[in-house]
Amino acid sequence: MTVILVTGCAGFIGFHVARRLLEQGCTVIGADNRNDYYDVRLKDSRLNLLTDYERFHYHHISLEDTAKVIQLFEETQPQIVIHLAAQAGVRYSLDNPHVYIQSNLAAFTNILEGCRLHHIQHLLYASSSSVYGANTKTPFSTRDNVDHPVSLYAATKKANELMAHTYSHLYGLPTTGLRLFTVYGPWGRPDMAYFNFTRNIMGNRSIQVFNYGRMKRDFTYIDDVAHGIVQLVYHPPKESHNWNRTSPDPSGSYAPYRILNMGSNRPEELMSMIHHLEGIIGKKAIIEYMPMMQGDVMATYADIEDIQQLIDYRPTTSLKQGLERFVDWFLNDYSDREV
């Protein structure tokens, strides 16, 4: 029976991944500090569903606490680690930079050390499409240089990739970094645009649409993401003697290290997403057009050829289908909604 540590288990993606692993018979060690970046009651509702599984074991812990993290590894003895805990949000990083250093850098160092000391078979961790920063060539490829982040959040995610490579090189730790593209769906984060738009459209309040609506996002439905992550668990990267040091490919290495995009490969206009919501909800949005937000990007678009070849990753959920499922959850299962 595989024992898997899932950090950020009370978060959006962590919850879905942990539940899918439990349904497959794994033992899941869940770690989360349930911080108040958004409504803790939503996090508690996710946790309550996970605790229904006998093989789920929750640990309330802040991953910045080095001693507590080492103790967690010693007590639970995981074989695989899926690190999804982080301080999310590009816009929040503009006003709260120090939180990102602790949550995204110090905490990741502790996870890497735990993996090193306990000979973890595979570390999978969440990076972000935001690392592509100032790049404009699309679709975004993991083979592209990503040295020009436009937010501190993106910089910490790029740093995570560099830190992971160091541990892959020094200690032979197999690491897979997942650049996630605008993940959405039921049990999502209230700070995400689709969530906020839904709540405000239902409540007859205006929605702020940045860059005057001239933006595209590679919206990726949560079930497609969770399915892909679980499939990757048993495909750790291996050392590659064919990696070309004179013309290095950033997506791989001579060490057991890889970077993968996880998106839908279908960029959608922001206004298209809003029109879908209007049709599903049955109300027109009151739109307040705004200039481009500092730290934001015009478009995201994932090249997913590598992950398709590796695990036959095929996102199947259209944006309209995913939003329909989200709105259904919001109306019927989201007990903390305010409209």
Protein backbone atom coordinates (compact mmCIF):
# COMPACT_ATOMS: atom_id res chain seq x y z
CA MET A 1 0.00 0.00 0.00
CA THR A 2 1.53 3.29 -1.13
CA VAL A 3 1.87 6.02 1.50
CA ILE A 4 1.72 9.47 -0.09
CA LEU A 5 2.20 12.83 1.60
CA VAL A 6 -0.03 15.51 0.07
CA THR A 7 0.75 19.01 1.29
CA GLY A 8 -1.97 21.63 0.94
CA CYS A 9 -4.60 18.90 1.32
CA ALA A 10 -7.24 21.42 2.45
CA GLY A 11 -6.58 23.51 -0.64
CA PHE A 12 -8.36 23.30 -3.96
CA ILE A 13 -6.03 21.07 -5.96
CA GLY A 14 -4.67 19.21 -2.93
CA PHE A 15 -8.16 18.18 -1.86
CA HIS A 16 -9.03 16.76 -5.28
CA VAL A 17 -5.71 14.93 -5.62
CA ALA A 18 -5.93 13.47 -2.09
CA ARG A 19 -9.49 12.25 -2.66
CA ARG A 20 -8.56 10.59 -5.96
CA LEU A 21 -5.60 8.83 -4.33
CA LEU A 22 -7.78 7.61 -1.47
CA GLU A 23 -10.32 6.26 -3.93
CA GLN A 24 -7.50 4.27 -5.52
CA GLY A 25 -6.56 2.66 -2.22
CA CYS A 26 -3.54 4.74 -1.22
CA THR A 27 -2.82 5.90 2.30
CA VAL A 28 -2.72 9.70 2.27
CA ILE A 29 -0.91 11.81 4.83
CA GLY A 30 -2.47 15.25 4.54
CA ALA A 31 -0.62 18.35 5.70
CA ASP A 32 -2.07 21.86 5.80
CA ASN A 33 -1.99 24.93 8.07
CA ARG A 34 -5.49 26.12 7.04
CA ASN A 35 -4.36 29.75 6.78
CA ASP A 36 -6.88 32.54 6.30
CA TYR A 37 -5.83 33.70 2.82
CA TYR A 38 -9.43 32.82 1.95
CA ASP A 39 -12.41 31.46 3.91
CA VAL A 40 -11.18 28.76 6.29
CA ARG A 41 -14.68 27.27 6.38
CA LEU A 42 -14.27 26.17 2.77
CA LYS A 43 -10.98 24.48 3.66
CA ASP A 44 -12.62 22.78 6.62
CA SER A 45 -15.43 21.51 4.40
CA ARG A 46 -12.88 19.91 2.09
CA LEU A 47 -11.08 18.37 5.04
CA ASN A 48 -14.31 16.97 6.44
CA LEU A 49 -14.88 15.06 3.22
CA LEU A 50 -11.36 13.65 3.31
CA THR A 51 -11.66 12.50 6.92
CA ASP A 52 -14.48 10.17 5.85
CA TYR A 53 -11.75 7.94 4.40
CA GLU A 54 -10.11 5.56 6.87
CA ARG A 55 -6.74 5.82 5.13
CA PHE A 56 -6.57 9.61 5.42
CA HIS A 57 -4.44 11.05 8.23
CA TYR A 58 -4.42 14.81 8.70
CA HIS A 59 -1.59 16.84 10.24
CA HIS A 60 -2.07 20.52 11.02
CA ILE A 61 1.33 21.98 10.27
CA SER A 62 3.04 25.06 8.87
CA LEU A 63 5.68 23.83 6.46
CA GLU A 64 7.93 26.79 7.28
CA ASP A 65 8.59 25.08 10.65
CA THR A 66 11.67 22.98 9.91
CA ALA A 67 11.53 20.82 13.03
CA LYS A 68 7.84 20.03 12.52
CA VAL A 69 8.38 19.03 8.89
CA ILE A 70 11.23 16.68 9.75
CA GLN A 71 9.09 15.20 12.52
CA LEU A 72 6.22 14.72 10.05
CA PHE A 73 8.45 12.73 7.69
CA GLU A 74 9.84 10.64 10.54
CA GLU A 75 6.43 9.79 11.97
CA THR A 76 4.57 9.08 8.74
CA GLN A 77 7.33 7.58 6.53
CA PRO A 78 5.84 8.56 3.14
CA GLN A 79 7.14 6.94 -0.02
CA ILE A 80 5.99 9.69 -2.39
CA VAL A 81 5.41 13.42 -1.83
CA ILE A 82 2.98 15.63 -3.76
CA HIS A 83 3.72 19.20 -2.69
CA LEU A 84 0.77 21.45 -3.49
CA ALA A 85 0.93 23.80 -0.50
CA ALA A 86 1.94 27.36 -1.39
CA GLN A 87 0.91 30.95 -1.06
CA ALA A 88 -1.07 31.45 -4.24
CA GLY A 89 -2.12 34.59 -6.09
CA VAL A 90 -0.21 36.98 -8.32
CA ARG A 91 -2.04 40.08 -7.12
CA TYR A 92 -1.71 39.24 -3.41
CA SER A 93 2.07 39.08 -3.85
CA LEU A 94 2.17 42.78 -4.74
CA ASP A 95 1.19 43.77 -1.20
CA ASN A 96 2.41 40.78 0.81
CA PRO A 97 5.81 39.77 -0.56
CA HIS A 98 7.26 38.32 2.64
CA VAL A 99 4.52 35.71 2.87
CA TYR A 100 5.70 34.24 -0.44
CA ILE A 101 9.29 33.92 0.75
CA GLN A 102 8.22 31.90 3.77
CA SER A 103 5.44 29.84 2.20
CA ASN A 104 6.99 29.19 -1.21
CA LEU A 105 10.74 29.17 -0.54
CA ALA A 106 11.43 28.33 3.10
CA ALA A 107 8.68 25.71 3.17
CA PHE A 108 9.88 24.11 -0.07
CA THR A 109 13.39 23.87 1.35
CA ASN A 110 11.99 21.91 4.28
CA ILE A 111 10.10 19.59 1.94
CA LEU A 112 13.24 18.98 -0.11
CA GLU A 113 15.21 18.19 3.03
CA GLY A 114 12.51 15.79 4.23
CA CYS A 115 12.61 14.05 0.86
CA ARG A 116 16.40 13.82 0.94
CA LEU A 117 16.60 12.41 4.44
CA HIS A 118 13.88 9.82 3.85
CA HIS A 119 14.84 8.72 0.33
CA ILE A 120 11.51 9.67 -1.24
CA GLN A 121 10.80 7.78 -4.47
CA HIS A 122 9.25 10.75 -6.28
CA LEU A 123 8.57 14.38 -5.42
CA LEU A 124 5.89 16.09 -7.51
CA TYR A 125 5.37 19.79 -6.87
CA ALA A 126 3.20 22.59 -8.21
CA SER A 127 4.94 25.19 -10.29
CA SER A 128 2.87 27.65 -12.33
CA SER A 129 2.22 28.95 -15.82
CA SER A 130 3.14 32.36 -14.36
CA VAL A 131 6.84 31.45 -14.71
CA TYR A 132 6.56 32.22 -18.43
CA GLY A 133 6.32 35.87 -17.40
CA ALA A 134 7.25 38.25 -20.20
CA ASN A 135 7.34 35.49 -22.84
CA THR A 136 4.96 36.06 -25.75
CA LYS A 137 5.72 33.07 -28.00
CA THR A 138 2.82 30.65 -27.76
CA PRO A 139 2.05 27.96 -26.96
CA PHE A 140 4.30 28.16 -23.90
CA SER A 141 6.84 25.35 -24.05
CA THR A 142 8.90 23.92 -21.19
CA ARG A 143 11.83 24.16 -23.58
CA ASP A 144 11.59 27.95 -23.56
CA ASN A 145 13.72 30.15 -21.34
CA VAL A 146 11.71 31.51 -18.39
CA ASP A 147 14.10 34.00 -16.82
CA HIS A 148 11.79 37.03 -16.94
CA PRO A 149 9.04 36.69 -14.30
CA VAL A 150 6.69 39.63 -13.87
CA SER A 151 5.52 38.90 -10.31
CA LEU A 152 7.15 37.75 -7.08
CA TYR A 153 4.80 34.76 -7.05
CA ALA A 154 6.17 33.67 -10.43
CA ALA A 155 9.74 34.23 -9.23
CA THR A 156 9.21 31.92 -6.24
CA LYS A 157 7.80 29.21 -8.51
CA LYS A 158 10.79 29.50 -10.85
CA ALA A 159 13.02 29.31 -7.78
CA ASN A 160 11.26 26.08 -6.73
CA GLU A 161 12.19 24.53 -10.06
CA LEU A 162 15.84 25.52 -9.60
CA MET A 163 15.89 24.22 -6.03
CA ALA A 164 14.37 20.92 -7.13
CA HIS A 165 17.03 20.49 -9.80
CA THR A 166 19.74 21.04 -7.23
CA TYR A 167 18.39 18.19 -5.08
CA SER A 168 17.93 15.97 -8.12
CA HIS A 169 21.57 16.60 -9.00
CA LEU A 170 23.09 16.34 -5.54
CA TYR A 171 21.03 13.52 -4.06
CA GLY A 172 19.41 11.73 -6.99
CA LEU A 173 15.93 12.80 -5.82
CA PRO A 174 13.43 12.28 -8.68
CA THR A 175 11.45 15.52 -9.03
CA THR A 176 8.63 16.54 -11.34
CA GLY A 177 7.58 20.19 -11.51
CA LEU A 178 4.09 20.86 -12.84
CA ARG A 179 3.40 24.20 -14.45
CA LEU A 180 -0.34 24.44 -13.84
CA PHE A 181 -2.52 26.60 -16.07
CA THR A 182 -5.57 28.40 -14.54
CA VAL A 183 -7.12 25.43 -12.75
CA TYR A 184 -10.86 25.85 -12.06
CA GLY A 185 -13.88 23.86 -10.98
CA PRO A 186 -15.97 22.76 -7.95
CA TRP A 187 -14.40 23.37 -4.52
CA GLY A 188 -12.25 26.09 -6.11
CA ARG A 189 -10.61 29.15 -4.60
CA PRO A 190 -12.87 32.18 -3.99
CA ASP A 191 -10.10 34.55 -5.08
CA MET A 192 -10.13 33.15 -8.63
CA ALA A 193 -11.89 35.22 -11.31
CA TYR A 194 -14.49 32.62 -12.35
CA PHE A 195 -15.52 32.13 -8.69
CA ASN A 196 -15.74 35.84 -7.98
CA PHE A 197 -17.58 36.50 -11.26
CA THR A 198 -20.16 33.82 -10.46
CA ARG A 199 -20.87 35.21 -7.01
CA ASN A 200 -21.16 38.80 -8.23
CA ILE A 201 -23.28 38.03 -11.31
CA MET A 202 -25.72 36.13 -9.09
CA GLY A 203 -25.75 39.00 -6.61
CA ASN A 204 -26.30 41.67 -9.28
CA ARG A 205 -22.94 43.26 -8.46
CA SER A 206 -20.36 44.47 -10.94
CA ILE A 207 -17.32 42.44 -11.91
CA GLN A 208 -13.90 43.95 -12.61
CA VAL A 209 -12.50 42.83 -15.94
CA PHE A 210 -8.84 43.72 -16.38
CA ASN A 211 -7.10 44.83 -19.57
CA TYR A 212 -10.58 45.72 -20.80
CA GLY A 213 -11.30 42.04 -21.37
CA ARG A 214 -8.48 41.55 -23.87
CA MET A 215 -6.97 38.51 -22.17
CA LYS A 216 -6.76 34.78 -22.85
CA ARG A 217 -6.36 31.93 -20.39
CA ASP A 218 -5.72 28.22 -20.81
CA PHE A 219 -8.49 27.19 -18.40
CA THR A 220 -7.87 23.65 -17.07
CA TYR A 221 -10.62 21.71 -15.32
CA ILE A 222 -9.73 20.30 -11.91
CA ASP A 223 -10.64 16.67 -12.67
CA ASP A 224 -8.29 16.67 -15.66
CA VAL A 225 -5.51 18.07 -13.45
CA ALA A 226 -6.08 15.65 -10.55
CA HIS A 227 -6.22 12.69 -12.93
CA GLY A 228 -2.97 13.74 -14.55
CA ILE A 229 -1.14 14.24 -11.25
CA VAL A 230 -2.19 10.83 -9.94
CA GLN A 231 -1.06 9.18 -13.17
CA LEU A 232 2.35 10.87 -12.88
CA VAL A 233 2.96 9.55 -9.37
CA TYR A 234 4.29 6.26 -10.68
CA HIS A 235 6.34 7.79 -13.52
CA PRO A 236 9.35 9.33 -11.76
CA PRO A 237 12.00 10.87 -14.01
CA LYS A 238 15.27 9.02 -14.48
CA GLU A 239 18.82 10.14 -15.13
CA SER A 240 19.44 10.87 -18.80
CA HIS A 241 22.86 10.31 -20.33
CA ASN A 242 21.55 11.77 -23.62
CA TRP A 243 20.85 15.22 -22.19
CA ASN A 244 22.86 17.73 -24.20
CA ARG A 245 24.96 19.96 -21.94
CA THR A 246 26.09 22.16 -24.83
CA SER A 247 22.50 22.90 -25.85
CA PRO A 248 20.58 22.28 -22.62
CA ASP A 249 16.84 21.58 -22.68
CA PRO A 250 15.30 23.37 -19.64
CA SER A 251 12.52 20.78 -19.37
CA GLY A 252 14.87 17.95 -18.41
CA SER A 253 18.35 17.15 -17.16
CA TYR A 254 21.07 14.57 -16.80
CA ALA A 255 19.66 14.30 -13.25
CA PRO A 256 16.27 12.67 -12.45
CA TYR A 257 14.41 15.93 -13.02
CA ARG A 258 11.64 17.11 -15.32
CA ILE A 259 9.30 20.04 -15.88
CA LEU A 260 5.86 19.53 -17.45
CA ASN A 261 3.06 21.84 -18.51
CA MET A 262 -0.39 20.83 -17.30
CA GLY A 263 -2.99 22.81 -19.20
CA SER A 264 -5.87 22.23 -21.57
CA ASN A 265 -4.03 23.39 -24.72
CA ARG A 266 -7.17 25.45 -25.50
CA PRO A 267 -6.74 29.16 -24.67
CA GLU A 268 -10.06 30.96 -24.26
CA GLU A 269 -10.94 34.64 -24.35
CA LEU A 270 -11.75 36.02 -20.91
CA MET A 271 -14.95 37.47 -22.33
CA SER A 272 -15.92 34.01 -23.61
CA MET A 273 -15.71 32.69 -20.05
CA ILE A 274 -17.93 35.54 -18.86
CA HIS A 275 -20.48 34.87 -21.62
CA HIS A 276 -20.60 31.19 -20.64
CA LEU A 277 -21.30 32.16 -17.03
CA GLU A 278 -24.03 34.58 -18.09
CA GLY A 279 -25.74 31.82 -20.06
CA ILE A 280 -25.44 29.24 -17.27
CA ILE A 281 -26.60 31.62 -14.52
CA GLY A 282 -29.23 33.31 -16.65
CA LYS A 283 -28.11 36.87 -15.87
CA LYS A 284 -26.06 39.50 -17.66
CA ALA A 285 -22.86 40.60 -15.97
CA ILE A 286 -22.43 44.22 -14.91
CA ILE A 287 -18.91 44.80 -16.20
CA GLU A 288 -16.44 47.37 -14.91
CA TYR A 289 -13.57 47.41 -17.40
CA MET A 290 -10.16 48.02 -15.85
CA PRO A 291 -6.60 48.54 -17.15
CA MET A 292 -4.05 45.74 -17.02
CA MET A 293 -3.18 44.66 -13.49
CA GLN A 294 0.47 44.92 -12.53
CA GLY A 295 2.12 41.49 -12.55
CA ASP A 296 -0.51 40.00 -14.87
CA VAL A 297 0.01 38.61 -18.38
CA MET A 298 -2.00 38.95 -21.59
CA ALA A 299 -2.35 35.27 -22.43
CA THR A 300 -1.47 31.75 -21.35
CA TYR A 301 -1.39 28.73 -23.63
CA ALA A 302 0.17 25.39 -22.72
CA ASP A 303 2.16 23.14 -25.03
CA ILE A 304 1.32 19.72 -23.54
CA GLU A 305 3.05 17.43 -26.01
CA ASP A 306 5.55 16.12 -23.42
CA ILE A 307 2.96 15.11 -20.85
CA GLN A 308 0.78 13.58 -23.54
CA GLN A 309 3.63 11.36 -24.63
CA LEU A 310 4.48 10.42 -21.05
CA ILE A 311 1.05 9.49 -19.68
CA ASP A 312 -1.35 10.07 -22.59
CA TYR A 313 -2.71 13.13 -20.78
CA ARG A 314 -5.85 14.23 -22.64
CA PRO A 315 -7.92 17.00 -21.02
CA THR A 316 -11.52 16.25 -21.97
CA THR A 317 -13.58 18.92 -20.20
CA SER A 318 -14.62 21.96 -22.23
CA LEU A 319 -14.79 25.35 -20.55
CA LYS A 320 -18.59 25.39 -20.81
CA GLN A 321 -18.89 21.92 -19.25
CA GLY A 322 -16.49 22.81 -16.45
CA LEU A 323 -18.28 26.06 -15.63
CA GLU A 324 -21.65 24.27 -15.62
CA ARG A 325 -20.30 21.81 -13.06
CA PHE A 326 -18.83 24.64 -10.99
CA VAL A 327 -22.07 26.64 -10.93
CA ASP A 328 -24.01 23.50 -10.01
CA TRP A 329 -21.65 22.94 -7.07
CA PHE A 330 -21.84 26.60 -6.08
CA LEU A 331 -25.64 26.54 -5.96
CA ASN A 332 -26.11 23.14 -4.33
CA ASP A 333 -23.05 22.34 -2.23
CA TYR A 334 -21.26 25.55 -1.35
CA SER A 335 -22.71 26.31 2.05
CA ASP A 336 -20.76 29.54 2.56
CA ARG A 337 -21.90 31.29 -0.60
CA GLU A 338 -22.97 34.90 -0.36
CA VAL A 339 -24.98 36.30 -3.26
